[in-house]
Amino acid sequence: MKEFVFIFRNSTTPADAPSPEQMQQVITDWMNWFGSLAAQDKLANNGNRLSVSSAKTVKPDNIVSDGPYTEIKEFIQGYIIVKTTDINEAVELAKGCPILKEGGNVEVRAVTTPDDQS
C-alpha cells in the first residue's frame, strides 16, 4: 500500500458562512466520509485543519508576510493521509470528499520516501 495526502482547498469567504443547520450538515457529511475511509481501512492519518488567520509565509531574504499566499483565491483548509494501492484508487476516494459540494477541491499527492524516485 502507498500513502497519499489529500490536501483540501477552498475559497470560502465570511460572506459565504453557512447557517447553523447547513453547518451541521457539513459536519455530518465530513464525519460520514471519514467514517467510510476508516471502515475501509484506508485512513492512515486523520490529519488536521489548518488555520487561515494564524499563518505566515516566509520567503527568501527573510521576508515574512501575513497569511498563506494571500494573493491566491483559494487556501488550504487541511489534510489527511490515506493508504491505497495506487493513485487511481486514491482519486476515487477523493471523489467522495464533502468539500467538493462546497465548491472546494482535493489535491491528491503521493507521499514519497528518500528511495522513491517519483
PDB file of N, CA and C in Angstrom:
ATOM      1  N   MET A   1       0.846  -1.190   0.000  1.00  0.00           N
ATOM      2  CA  MET A   1       0.000   0.000   0.000  1.00  0.00           C
ATOM      3  C   MET A   1       0.887   1.248   0.000  1.00  0.00           C
ATOM      4  N   LYS A   2       0.450   2.248  -0.731  1.00  0.00           N
ATOM      5  CA  LYS A   2       1.131   3.537  -0.757  1.00  0.00           C
ATOM      6  C   LYS A   2       0.286   4.550   0.003  1.00  0.00           C
ATOM      7  N   GLU A   3       0.944   5.586   0.487  1.00  0.00           N
ATOM      8  CA  GLU A   3       0.223   6.656   1.171  1.00  0.00           C
ATOM      9  C   GLU A   3       0.095   7.862   0.259  1.00  0.00           C
ATOM     10  N   PHE A   4      -1.077   8.505   0.348  1.00  0.00           N
ATOM     11  CA  PHE A   4      -1.370   9.705  -0.425  1.00  0.00           C
ATOM     12  C   PHE A   4      -1.934  10.760   0.503  1.00  0.00           C
ATOM     13  N   VAL A   5      -1.502  11.994   0.311  1.00  0.00           N
ATOM     14  CA  VAL A   5      -2.035  13.113   1.084  1.00  0.00           C
ATOM     15  C   VAL A   5      -3.180  13.720   0.290  1.00  0.00           C
ATOM     16  N   PHE A   6      -4.289  13.945   0.968  1.00  0.00           N
ATOM     17  CA  PHE A   6      -5.393  14.708   0.397  1.00  0.00           C
ATOM     18  C   PHE A   6      -5.281  16.108   0.988  1.00  0.00           C
ATOM     19  N   ILE A   7      -5.065  17.090   0.143  1.00  0.00           N
ATOM     20  CA  ILE A   7      -4.960  18.485   0.581  1.00  0.00           C
ATOM     21  C   ILE A   7      -6.261  19.166   0.181  1.00  0.00           C
ATOM     22  N   PHE A   8      -6.961  19.663   1.188  1.00  0.00           N
ATOM     23  CA  PHE A   8      -8.276  20.259   0.954  1.00  0.00           C
ATOM     24  C   PHE A   8      -8.140  21.760   0.741  1.00  0.00           C
ATOM     25  N   ARG A   9      -8.619  22.230  -0.404  1.00  0.00           N
ATOM     26  CA  ARG A   9      -8.566  23.660  -0.744  1.00  0.00           C
ATOM     27  C   ARG A   9      -9.986  24.188  -0.917  1.00  0.00           C
ATOM     28  N   ASN A  10     -10.168  25.427  -0.481  1.00  0.00           N
ATOM     29  CA  ASN A  10     -11.469  26.060  -0.640  1.00  0.00           C
ATOM     30  C   ASN A  10     -11.272  27.557  -0.742  1.00  0.00           C
ATOM     31  N   SER A  11     -12.278  28.253  -1.201  1.00  0.00           N
ATOM     32  CA  SER A  11     -12.203  29.710  -1.318  1.00  0.00           C
ATOM     33  C   SER A  11     -13.346  30.376  -0.571  1.00  0.00           C
ATOM     34  N   THR A  12     -13.826  29.726   0.464  1.00  0.00           N
ATOM     35  CA  THR A  12     -14.947  30.250   1.237  1.00  0.00           C
ATOM     36  C   THR A  12     -14.573  31.576   1.886  1.00  0.00           C
ATOM     37  N   THR A  13     -15.472  32.528   1.797  1.00  0.00           N
ATOM     38  CA  THR A  13     -15.273  33.821   2.446  1.00  0.00           C
ATOM     39  C   THR A  13     -16.289  33.959   3.571  1.00  0.00           C
ATOM     40  N   PRO A  14     -16.068  34.895   4.499  1.00  0.00           N
ATOM     41  CA  PRO A  14     -17.033  35.071   5.584  1.00  0.00           C
ATOM     42  C   PRO A  14     -18.457  35.324   5.094  1.00  0.00           C
ATOM     43  N   ALA A  15     -18.602  35.934   3.933  1.00  0.00           N
ATOM     44  CA  ALA A  15     -19.942  36.187   3.383  1.00  0.00           C
ATOM     45  C   ALA A  15     -20.646  34.890   3.000  1.00  0.00           C
ATOM     46  N   ASP A  16     -19.847  33.840   2.776  1.00  0.00           N
ATOM     47  CA  ASP A  16     -20.401  32.545   2.394  1.00  0.00           C
ATOM     48  C   ASP A  16     -20.702  31.649   3.600  1.00  0.00           C
ATOM     49  N   ALA A  17     -20.620  32.191   4.798  1.00  0.00           N
ATOM     50  CA  ALA A  17     -20.789  31.387   6.009  1.00  0.00           C
ATOM     51  C   ALA A  17     -22.132  30.663   5.999  1.00  0.00           C
ATOM     52  N   PRO A  18     -22.107  29.355   6.263  1.00  0.00           N
ATOM     53  CA  PRO A  18     -23.356  28.584   6.255  1.00  0.00           C
ATOM     54  C   PRO A  18     -24.199  28.864   7.496  1.00  0.00           C
ATOM     55  N   SER A  19     -25.482  28.607   7.388  1.00  0.00           N
ATOM     56  CA  SER A  19     -26.374  28.712   8.540  1.00  0.00           C
ATOM     57  C   SER A  19     -26.009  27.599   9.520  1.00  0.00           C
ATOM     58  N   PRO A  20     -26.475  27.669  10.773  1.00  0.00           N
ATOM     59  CA  PRO A  20     -26.192  26.582  11.718  1.00  0.00           C
ATOM     60  C   PRO A  20     -26.672  25.221  11.210  1.00  0.00           C
ATOM     61  N   GLU A  21     -27.817  25.192  10.552  1.00  0.00           N
ATOM     62  CA  GLU A  21     -28.333  23.936  10.017  1.00  0.00           C
ATOM     63  C   GLU A  21     -27.438  23.408   8.895  1.00  0.00           C
ATOM     64  N   GLN A  22     -27.004  24.313   8.014  1.00  0.00           N
ATOM     65  CA  GLN A  22     -26.106  23.915   6.935  1.00  0.00           C
ATOM     66  C   GLN A  22     -24.770  23.431   7.500  1.00  0.00           C
ATOM     67  N   MET A  23     -24.283  24.123   8.533  1.00  0.00           N
ATOM     68  CA  MET A  23     -23.023  23.737   9.152  1.00  0.00           C
ATOM     69  C   MET A  23     -23.121  22.342   9.770  1.00  0.00           C
ATOM     70  N   GLN A  24     -24.247  22.051  10.395  1.00  0.00           N
ATOM     71  CA  GLN A  24     -24.442  20.720  10.973  1.00  0.00           C
ATOM     72  C   GLN A  24     -24.417  19.653   9.886  1.00  0.00           C
ATOM     73  N   GLN A  25     -25.010  19.956   8.736  1.00  0.00           N
ATOM     74  CA  GLN A  25     -24.998  19.000   7.622  1.00  0.00           C
ATOM     75  C   GLN A  25     -23.585  18.805   7.096  1.00  0.00           C
ATOM     76  N   VAL A  26     -22.829  19.889   6.999  1.00  0.00           N
ATOM     77  CA  VAL A  26     -21.437  19.806   6.541  1.00  0.00           C
ATOM     78  C   VAL A  26     -20.633  18.903   7.481  1.00  0.00           C
ATOM     79  N   ILE A  27     -20.788  19.117   8.780  1.00  0.00           N
ATOM     80  CA  ILE A  27     -20.075  18.300   9.770  1.00  0.00           C
ATOM     81  C   ILE A  27     -20.477  16.837   9.647  1.00  0.00           C
ATOM     82  N   THR A  28     -21.771  16.585   9.497  1.00  0.00           N
ATOM     83  CA  THR A  28     -22.259  15.207   9.343  1.00  0.00           C
ATOM     84  C   THR A  28     -21.673  14.564   8.091  1.00  0.00           C
ATOM     85  N   ASP A  29     -21.646  15.305   6.981  1.00  0.00           N
ATOM     86  CA  ASP A  29     -21.084  14.779   5.733  1.00  0.00           C
ATOM     87  C   ASP A  29     -19.609  14.415   5.905  1.00  0.00           C
ATOM     88  N   TRP A  30     -18.832  15.300   6.549  1.00  0.00           N
ATOM     89  CA  TRP A  30     -17.408  15.035   6.767  1.00  0.00           C
ATOM     90  C   TRP A  30     -17.224  13.823   7.675  1.00  0.00           C
ATOM     91  N   MET A  31     -17.979  13.731   8.754  1.00  0.00           N
ATOM     92  CA  MET A  31     -17.846  12.609   9.684  1.00  0.00           C
ATOM     93  C   MET A  31     -18.199  11.289   8.984  1.00  0.00           C
ATOM     94  N   ASN A  32     -19.230  11.305   8.168  1.00  0.00           N
ATOM     95  CA  ASN A  32     -19.613  10.101   7.419  1.00  0.00           C
ATOM     96  C   ASN A  32     -18.516   9.689   6.437  1.00  0.00           C
ATOM     97  N   TRP A  33     -17.926  10.671   5.766  1.00  0.00           N
ATOM     98  CA  TRP A  33     -16.867  10.379   4.804  1.00  0.00           C
ATOM     99  C   TRP A  33     -15.635   9.809   5.516  1.00  0.00           C
ATOM    100  N   PHE A  34     -15.229  10.464   6.612  1.00  0.00           N
ATOM    101  CA  PHE A  34     -14.102   9.947   7.394  1.00  0.00           C
ATOM    102  C   PHE A  34     -14.395   8.543   7.905  1.00  0.00           C
ATOM    103  N   GLY A  35     -15.619   8.324   8.395  1.00  0.00           N
ATOM    104  CA  GLY A  35     -16.008   7.001   8.885  1.00  0.00           C
ATOM    105  C   GLY A  35     -15.919   5.942   7.799  1.00  0.00           C
ATOM    106  N   SER A  36     -16.317   6.310   6.587  1.00  0.00           N
ATOM    107  CA  SER A  36     -16.244   5.390   5.458  1.00  0.00           C
ATOM    108  C   SER A  36     -14.792   5.030   5.137  1.00  0.00           C
ATOM    109  N   LEU A  37     -13.908   6.029   5.138  1.00  0.00           N
ATOM    110  CA  LEU A  37     -12.489   5.768   4.884  1.00  0.00           C
ATOM    111  C   LEU A  37     -11.906   4.862   5.958  1.00  0.00           C
ATOM    112  N   ALA A  38     -12.245   5.135   7.213  1.00  0.00           N
ATOM    113  CA  ALA A  38     -11.741   4.324   8.327  1.00  0.00           C
ATOM    114  C   ALA A  38     -12.275   2.892   8.244  1.00  0.00           C
ATOM    115  N   ALA A  39     -13.560   2.749   7.913  1.00  0.00           N
ATOM    116  CA  ALA A  39     -14.170   1.422   7.820  1.00  0.00           C
ATOM    117  C   ALA A  39     -13.522   0.571   6.720  1.00  0.00           C
ATOM    118  N   GLN A  40     -13.025   1.238   5.676  1.00  0.00           N
ATOM    119  CA  GLN A  40     -12.346   0.528   4.585  1.00  0.00           C
ATOM    120  C   GLN A  40     -10.860   0.314   4.884  1.00  0.00           C
ATOM    121  N   ASP A  41     -10.410   0.768   6.067  1.00  0.00           N
ATOM    122  CA  ASP A  41      -9.003   0.717   6.474  1.00  0.00           C
ATOM    123  C   ASP A  41      -8.121   1.488   5.489  1.00  0.00           C
ATOM    124  N   LYS A  42      -8.624   2.618   5.014  1.00  0.00           N
ATOM    125  CA  LYS A  42      -7.894   3.462   4.061  1.00  0.00           C
ATOM    126  C   LYS A  42      -7.330   4.715   4.717  1.00  0.00           C
ATOM    127  N   LEU A  43      -7.761   5.042   5.932  1.00  0.00           N
ATOM    128  CA  LEU A  43      -7.332   6.261   6.604  1.00  0.00           C
ATOM    129  C   LEU A  43      -6.047   5.978   7.381  1.00  0.00           C
ATOM    130  N   ALA A  44      -4.917   6.503   6.886  1.00  0.00           N
ATOM    131  CA  ALA A  44      -3.626   6.279   7.534  1.00  0.00           C
ATOM    132  C   ALA A  44      -3.363   7.325   8.618  1.00  0.00           C
ATOM    133  N   ASN A  45      -3.858   8.542   8.418  1.00  0.00           N
ATOM    134  CA  ASN A  45      -3.656   9.637   9.378  1.00  0.00           C
ATOM    135  C   ASN A  45      -4.800  10.617   9.162  1.00  0.00           C
ATOM    136  N   ASN A  46      -5.550  10.912  10.225  1.00  0.00           N
ATOM    137  CA  ASN A  46      -6.715  11.781  10.046  1.00  0.00           C
ATOM    138  C   ASN A  46      -6.362  13.253   9.954  1.00  0.00           C
ATOM    139  N   GLY A  47      -5.079  13.598   9.913  1.00  0.00           N
ATOM    140  CA  GLY A  47      -4.654  14.965   9.639  1.00  0.00           C
ATOM    141  C   GLY A  47      -5.255  15.986  10.569  1.00  0.00           C
ATOM    142  N   ASN A  48      -5.340  17.213  10.095  1.00  0.00           N
ATOM    143  CA  ASN A  48      -5.874  18.327  10.871  1.00  0.00           C
ATOM    144  C   ASN A  48      -6.343  19.420   9.944  1.00  0.00           C
ATOM    145  N   ARG A  49      -7.163  20.297  10.527  1.00  0.00           N
ATOM    146  CA  ARG A  49      -7.498  21.528   9.825  1.00  0.00           C
ATOM    147  C   ARG A  49      -6.305  22.460   9.982  1.00  0.00           C
ATOM    148  N   LEU A  50      -6.144  23.379   9.067  1.00  0.00           N
ATOM    149  CA  LEU A  50      -5.058  24.344   9.132  1.00  0.00           C
ATOM    150  C   LEU A  50      -5.642  25.746   9.254  1.00  0.00           C
ATOM    151  N   SER A  51      -5.055  26.542  10.134  1.00  0.00           N
ATOM    152  CA  SER A  51      -5.533  27.901  10.385  1.00  0.00           C
ATOM    153  C   SER A  51      -5.268  28.804   9.180  1.00  0.00           C
ATOM    154  N   VAL A  52      -6.195  29.686   8.927  1.00  0.00           N
ATOM    155  CA  VAL A  52      -6.009  30.707   7.902  1.00  0.00           C
ATOM    156  C   VAL A  52      -5.593  32.014   8.571  1.00  0.00           C
ATOM    157  N   SER A  53      -6.161  32.304   9.741  1.00  0.00           N
ATOM    158  CA  SER A  53      -5.883  33.568  10.411  1.00  0.00           C
ATOM    159  C   SER A  53      -4.540  33.576  11.139  1.00  0.00           C
ATOM    160  N   SER A  54      -4.089  32.442  11.623  1.00  0.00           N
ATOM    161  CA  SER A  54      -2.815  32.362  12.326  1.00  0.00           C
ATOM    162  C   SER A  54      -1.812  31.675  11.410  1.00  0.00           C
ATOM    163  N   ALA A  55      -1.317  32.438  10.434  1.00  0.00           N
ATOM    164  CA  ALA A  55      -0.416  31.875   9.436  1.00  0.00           C
ATOM    165  C   ALA A  55       0.513  32.955   8.910  1.00  0.00           C
ATOM    166  N   LYS A  56       1.689  32.562   8.556  1.00  0.00           N
ATOM    167  CA  LYS A  56       2.689  33.445   7.956  1.00  0.00           C
ATOM    168  C   LYS A  56       3.336  32.700   6.800  1.00  0.00           C
ATOM    169  N   THR A  57       3.862  33.431   5.852  1.00  0.00           N
ATOM    170  CA  THR A  57       4.622  32.861   4.761  1.00  0.00           C
ATOM    171  C   THR A  57       6.021  33.451   4.814  1.00  0.00           C
ATOM    172  N   VAL A  58       7.026  32.589   4.858  1.00  0.00           N
ATOM    173  CA  VAL A  58       8.415  33.028   4.905  1.00  0.00           C
ATOM    174  C   VAL A  58       9.001  32.839   3.510  1.00  0.00           C
ATOM    175  N   LYS A  59       9.604  33.913   3.002  1.00  0.00           N
ATOM    176  CA  LYS A  59      10.173  33.912   1.654  1.00  0.00           C
ATOM    177  C   LYS A  59      11.675  34.179   1.738  1.00  0.00           C
ATOM    178  N   PRO A  60      12.377  34.019   0.619  1.00  0.00           N
ATOM    179  CA  PRO A  60      13.817  34.308   0.636  1.00  0.00           C
ATOM    180  C   PRO A  60      14.111  35.723   1.152  1.00  0.00           C
ATOM    181  N   ASP A  61      15.309  35.916   1.635  1.00  0.00           N
ATOM    182  CA  ASP A  61      15.769  37.198   2.170  1.00  0.00           C
ATOM    183  C   ASP A  61      15.006  37.610   3.419  1.00  0.00           C
ATOM    184  N   ASN A  62      14.547  36.623   4.178  1.00  0.00           N
ATOM    185  CA  ASN A  62      13.847  36.856   5.449  1.00  0.00           C
ATOM    186  C   ASN A  62      12.605  37.726   5.315  1.00  0.00           C
ATOM    187  N   ILE A  63      11.915  37.626   4.204  1.00  0.00           N
ATOM    188  CA  ILE A  63      10.666  38.351   4.008  1.00  0.00           C
ATOM    189  C   ILE A  63       9.543  37.493   4.573  1.00  0.00           C
ATOM    190  N   VAL A  64       8.765  38.083   5.477  1.00  0.00           N
ATOM    191  CA  VAL A  64       7.658  37.380   6.103  1.00  0.00           C
ATOM    192  C   VAL A  64       6.378  38.143   5.801  1.00  0.00           C
ATOM    193  N   SER A  65       5.382  37.437   5.287  1.00  0.00           N
ATOM    194  CA  SER A  65       4.101  38.080   5.001  1.00  0.00           C
ATOM    195  C   SER A  65       3.001  37.393   5.793  1.00  0.00           C
ATOM    196  N   ASP A  66       1.906  38.091   5.987  1.00  0.00           N
ATOM    197  CA  ASP A  66       0.770  37.530   6.704  1.00  0.00           C
ATOM    198  C   ASP A  66       0.043  36.529   5.839  1.00  0.00           C
ATOM    199  N   GLY A  67      -0.412  35.469   6.469  1.00  0.00           N
ATOM    200  CA  GLY A  67      -1.299  34.523   5.813  1.00  0.00           C
ATOM    201  C   GLY A  67      -0.632  33.610   4.815  1.00  0.00           C
ATOM    202  N   PRO A  68      -1.401  32.637   4.384  1.00  0.00           N
ATOM    203  CA  PRO A  68      -0.896  31.689   3.395  1.00  0.00           C
ATOM    204  C   PRO A  68      -1.175  32.169   1.981  1.00  0.00           C
ATOM    205  N   TYR A  69      -0.197  32.802   1.373  1.00  0.00           N
ATOM    206  CA  TYR A  69      -0.331  33.245  -0.011  1.00  0.00           C
ATOM    207  C   TYR A  69      -1.610  34.039  -0.232  1.00  0.00           C
ATOM    208  N   THR A  70      -1.697  35.187   0.383  1.00  0.00           N
ATOM    209  CA  THR A  70      -2.913  35.997   0.310  1.00  0.00           C
ATOM    210  C   THR A  70      -3.265  36.432  -1.106  1.00  0.00           C
ATOM    211  N   GLU A  71      -2.319  36.299  -2.036  1.00  0.00           N
ATOM    212  CA  GLU A  71      -2.621  36.720  -3.410  1.00  0.00           C
ATOM    213  C   GLU A  71      -3.404  35.676  -4.198  1.00  0.00           C
ATOM    214  N   ILE A  72      -3.615  34.485  -3.634  1.00  0.00           N
ATOM    215  CA  ILE A  72      -4.404  33.491  -4.347  1.00  0.00           C
ATOM    216  C   ILE A  72      -5.833  33.468  -3.831  1.00  0.00           C
ATOM    217  N   LYS A  73      -6.722  32.936  -4.615  1.00  0.00           N
ATOM    218  CA  LYS A  73      -8.129  32.948  -4.259  1.00  0.00           C
ATOM    219  C   LYS A  73      -8.551  31.752  -3.412  1.00  0.00           C
ATOM    220  N   GLU A  74      -7.766  30.676  -3.394  1.00  0.00           N
ATOM    221  CA  GLU A  74      -8.118  29.543  -2.564  1.00  0.00           C
ATOM    222  C   GLU A  74      -7.049  29.353  -1.495  1.00  0.00           C
ATOM    223  N   PHE A  75      -7.427  28.677  -0.454  1.00  0.00           N
ATOM    224  CA  PHE A  75      -6.469  28.411   0.602  1.00  0.00           C
ATOM    225  C   PHE A  75      -6.613  26.965   1.060  1.00  0.00           C
ATOM    226  N   ILE A  76      -5.558  26.464   1.672  1.00  0.00           N
ATOM    227  CA  ILE A  76      -5.562  25.094   2.165  1.00  0.00           C
ATOM    228  C   ILE A  76      -6.272  25.071   3.505  1.00  0.00           C
ATOM    229  N   GLN A  77      -7.304  24.241   3.608  1.00  0.00           N
ATOM    230  CA  GLN A  77      -8.066  24.131   4.847  1.00  0.00           C
ATOM    231  C   GLN A  77      -7.555  23.023   5.742  1.00  0.00           C
ATOM    232  N   GLY A  78      -6.950  21.998   5.168  1.00  0.00           N
ATOM    233  CA  GLY A  78      -6.478  20.890   5.973  1.00  0.00           C
ATOM    234  C   GLY A  78      -6.011  19.747   5.096  1.00  0.00           C
ATOM    235  N   TYR A  79      -5.753  18.616   5.740  1.00  0.00           N
ATOM    236  CA  TYR A  79      -5.231  17.469   5.013  1.00  0.00           C
ATOM    237  C   TYR A  79      -5.540  16.185   5.786  1.00  0.00           C
ATOM    238  N   ILE A  80      -5.474  15.069   5.095  1.00  0.00           N
ATOM    239  CA  ILE A  80      -5.462  13.740   5.698  1.00  0.00           C
ATOM    240  C   ILE A  80      -4.508  12.894   4.875  1.00  0.00           C
ATOM    241  N   ILE A  81      -4.159  11.727   5.388  1.00  0.00           N
ATOM    242  CA  ILE A  81      -3.333  10.785   4.636  1.00  0.00           C
ATOM    243  C   ILE A  81      -4.106   9.480   4.526  1.00  0.00           C
ATOM    244  N   VAL A  82      -4.223   8.989   3.299  1.00  0.00           N
ATOM    245  CA  VAL A  82      -4.901   7.718   3.057  1.00  0.00           C
ATOM    246  C   VAL A  82      -3.887   6.705   2.533  1.00  0.00           C
ATOM    247  N   LYS A  83      -4.251   5.435   2.620  1.00  0.00           N
ATOM    248  CA  LYS A  83      -3.396   4.390   2.059  1.00  0.00           C
ATOM    249  C   LYS A  83      -4.212   3.601   1.044  1.00  0.00           C
ATOM    250  N   THR A  84      -3.660   3.500  -0.161  1.00  0.00           N
ATOM    251  CA  THR A  84      -4.329   2.801  -1.253  1.00  0.00           C
ATOM    252  C   THR A  84      -3.283   2.054  -2.074  1.00  0.00           C
ATOM    253  N   THR A  85      -3.748   1.266  -3.014  1.00  0.00           N
ATOM    254  CA  THR A  85      -2.819   0.518  -3.861  1.00  0.00           C
ATOM    255  C   THR A  85      -2.128   1.416  -4.881  1.00  0.00           C
ATOM    256  N   ASP A  86      -2.826   2.467  -5.343  1.00  0.00           N
ATOM    257  CA  ASP A  86      -2.236   3.360  -6.333  1.00  0.00           C
ATOM    258  C   ASP A  86      -2.987   4.689  -6.340  1.00  0.00           C
ATOM    259  N   ILE A  87      -2.511   5.625  -7.148  1.00  0.00           N
ATOM    260  CA  ILE A  87      -3.113   6.962  -7.188  1.00  0.00           C
ATOM    261  C   ILE A  87      -4.538   6.921  -7.730  1.00  0.00           C
ATOM    262  N   ASN A  88      -4.838   5.989  -8.618  1.00  0.00           N
ATOM    263  CA  ASN A  88      -6.197   5.908  -9.164  1.00  0.00           C
ATOM    264  C   ASN A  88      -7.204   5.591  -8.067  1.00  0.00           C
ATOM    265  N   GLU A  89      -6.844   4.678  -7.168  1.00  0.00           N
ATOM    266  CA  GLU A  89      -7.731   4.364  -6.056  1.00  0.00           C
ATOM    267  C   GLU A  89      -7.857   5.566  -5.119  1.00  0.00           C
ATOM    268  N   ALA A  90      -6.755   6.281  -4.896  1.00  0.00           N
ATOM    269  CA  ALA A  90      -6.795   7.477  -4.054  1.00  0.00           C
ATOM    270  C   ALA A  90      -7.726   8.533  -4.654  1.00  0.00           C
ATOM    271  N   VAL A  91      -7.655   8.717  -5.953  1.00  0.00           N
ATOM    272  CA  VAL A  91      -8.525   9.684  -6.636  1.00  0.00           C
ATOM    273  C   VAL A  91      -9.990   9.284  -6.474  1.00  0.00           C
ATOM    274  N   GLU A  92     -10.284   8.007  -6.584  1.00  0.00           N
ATOM    275  CA  GLU A  92     -11.666   7.548  -6.405  1.00  0.00           C
ATOM    276  C   GLU A  92     -12.167   7.867  -4.997  1.00  0.00           C
ATOM    277  N   LEU A  93     -11.309   7.685  -3.984  1.00  0.00           N
ATOM    278  CA  LEU A  93     -11.706   8.035  -2.612  1.00  0.00           C
ATOM    279  C   LEU A  93     -11.937   9.543  -2.486  1.00  0.00           C
ATOM    280  N   ALA A  94     -11.073  10.329  -3.116  1.00  0.00           N
ATOM    281  CA  ALA A  94     -11.183  11.790  -3.045  1.00  0.00           C
ATOM    282  C   ALA A  94     -12.480  12.293  -3.680  1.00  0.00           C
ATOM    283  N   LYS A  95     -12.991  11.582  -4.655  1.00  0.00           N
ATOM    284  CA  LYS A  95     -14.231  11.997  -5.324  1.00  0.00           C
ATOM    285  C   LYS A  95     -15.414  12.039  -4.372  1.00  0.00           C
ATOM    286  N   GLY A  96     -15.335  11.348  -3.237  1.00  0.00           N
ATOM    287  CA  GLY A  96     -16.420  11.365  -2.266  1.00  0.00           C
ATOM    288  C   GLY A  96     -16.279  12.443  -1.200  1.00  0.00           C
ATOM    289  N   CYS A  97     -15.254  13.264  -1.290  1.00  0.00           N
ATOM    290  CA  CYS A  97     -14.993  14.279  -0.272  1.00  0.00           C
ATOM    291  C   CYS A  97     -16.080  15.363  -0.259  1.00  0.00           C
ATOM    292  N   PRO A  98     -16.604  15.675   0.932  1.00  0.00           N
ATOM    293  CA  PRO A  98     -17.648  16.696   1.040  1.00  0.00           C
ATOM    294  C   PRO A  98     -17.228  18.095   0.594  1.00  0.00           C
ATOM    295  N   ILE A  99     -15.941  18.398   0.584  1.00  0.00           N
ATOM    296  CA  ILE A  99     -15.513  19.743   0.181  1.00  0.00           C
ATOM    297  C   ILE A  99     -15.889  20.037  -1.266  1.00  0.00           C
ATOM    298  N   LEU A 100     -16.063  18.979  -2.062  1.00  0.00           N
ATOM    299  CA  LEU A 100     -16.441  19.166  -3.462  1.00  0.00           C
ATOM    300  C   LEU A 100     -17.841  19.771  -3.574  1.00  0.00           C
ATOM    301  N   LYS A 101     -18.721  19.460  -2.599  1.00  0.00           N
ATOM    302  CA  LYS A 101     -20.076  20.036  -2.585  1.00  0.00           C
ATOM    303  C   LYS A 101     -20.047  21.515  -2.202  1.00  0.00           C
ATOM    304  N   GLU A 102     -18.947  21.947  -1.559  1.00  0.00           N
ATOM    305  CA  GLU A 102     -18.818  23.322  -1.083  1.00  0.00           C
ATOM    306  C   GLU A 102     -18.061  24.200  -2.071  1.00  0.00           C
ATOM    307  N   GLY A 103     -17.735  23.657  -3.248  1.00  0.00           N
ATOM    308  CA  GLY A 103     -17.005  24.431  -4.243  1.00  0.00           C
ATOM    309  C   GLY A 103     -15.496  24.330  -4.106  1.00  0.00           C
ATOM    310  N   GLY A 104     -15.020  23.493  -3.183  1.00  0.00           N
ATOM    311  CA  GLY A 104     -13.586  23.309  -2.996  1.00  0.00           C
ATOM    312  C   GLY A 104     -13.051  22.177  -3.860  1.00  0.00           C
ATOM    313  N   ASN A 105     -11.795  21.831  -3.626  1.00  0.00           N
ATOM    314  CA  ASN A 105     -11.189  20.739  -4.357  1.00  0.00           C
ATOM    315  C   ASN A 105     -10.227  19.968  -3.465  1.00  0.00           C
ATOM    316  N   VAL A 106      -9.830  18.794  -3.938  1.00  0.00           N
ATOM    317  CA  VAL A 106      -8.904  17.937  -3.211  1.00  0.00           C
ATOM    318  C   VAL A 106      -7.689  17.694  -4.104  1.00  0.00           C
ATOM    319  N   GLU A 107      -6.528  18.071  -3.609  1.00  0.00           N
ATOM    320  CA  GLU A 107      -5.289  17.760  -4.305  1.00  0.00           C
ATOM    321  C   GLU A 107      -4.798  16.424  -3.762  1.00  0.00           C
ATOM    322  N   VAL A 108      -4.485  15.483  -4.626  1.00  0.00           N
ATOM    323  CA  VAL A 108      -4.026  14.157  -4.232  1.00  0.00           C
ATOM    324  C   VAL A 108      -2.546  14.058  -4.579  1.00  0.00           C
ATOM    325  N   ARG A 109      -1.699  13.818  -3.558  1.00  0.00           N
ATOM    326  CA  ARG A 109      -0.263  13.749  -3.758  1.00  0.00           C
ATOM    327  C   ARG A 109       0.299  12.511  -3.089  1.00  0.00           C
ATOM    328  N   ALA A 110       1.150  11.776  -3.792  1.00  0.00           N
ATOM    329  CA  ALA A 110       1.797  10.603  -3.217  1.00  0.00           C
ATOM    330  C   ALA A 110       2.814  11.044  -2.173  1.00  0.00           C
ATOM    331  N   VAL A 111       2.881  10.317  -1.080  1.00  0.00           N
ATOM    332  CA  VAL A 111       3.906  10.535  -0.073  1.00  0.00           C
ATOM    333  C   VAL A 111       5.120   9.725  -0.529  1.00  0.00           C
ATOM    334  N   THR A 112       6.244  10.368  -0.666  1.00  0.00           N
ATOM    335  CA  THR A 112       7.436   9.671  -1.159  1.00  0.00           C
ATOM    336  C   THR A 112       8.442   9.469  -0.029  1.00  0.00           C
ATOM    337  N   THR A 113       9.296   8.513  -0.225  1.00  0.00           N
ATOM    338  CA  THR A 113      10.389   8.246   0.709  1.00  0.00           C
ATOM    339  C   THR A 113      11.696   8.623   0.012  1.00  0.00           C
ATOM    340  N   PRO A 114      12.787   8.695   0.750  1.00  0.00           N
ATOM    341  CA  PRO A 114      14.071   9.032   0.098  1.00  0.00           C
ATOM    342  C   PRO A 114      14.447   8.082  -1.036  1.00  0.00           C
ATOM    343  N   ASP A 115      13.980   6.828  -0.961  1.00  0.00           N
ATOM    344  CA  ASP A 115      14.291   5.851  -2.007  1.00  0.00           C
ATOM    345  C   ASP A 115      13.359   5.941  -3.208  1.00  0.00           C
ATOM    346  N   ASP A 116      12.262   6.656  -3.063  1.00  0.00           N
ATOM    347  CA  ASP A 116      11.253   6.754  -4.130  1.00  0.00           C
ATOM    348  C   ASP A 116      11.696   7.808  -5.143  1.00  0.00           C
ATOM    349  N   GLN A 117      11.681   7.475  -6.391  1.00  0.00           N
ATOM    350  CA  GLN A 117      12.117   8.383  -7.451  1.00  0.00           C
ATOM    351  C   GLN A 117      10.948   9.047  -8.187  1.00  0.00           C
ATOM    352  N   SER A 118       9.715   8.948  -7.654  1.00  0.00           N
ATOM    353  CA  SER A 118       8.574   9.526  -8.373  1.00  0.00           C
ATOM    354  C   SER A 118       8.377  10.979  -8.080  1.00  0.00           C
TER     355      SER A 118
END
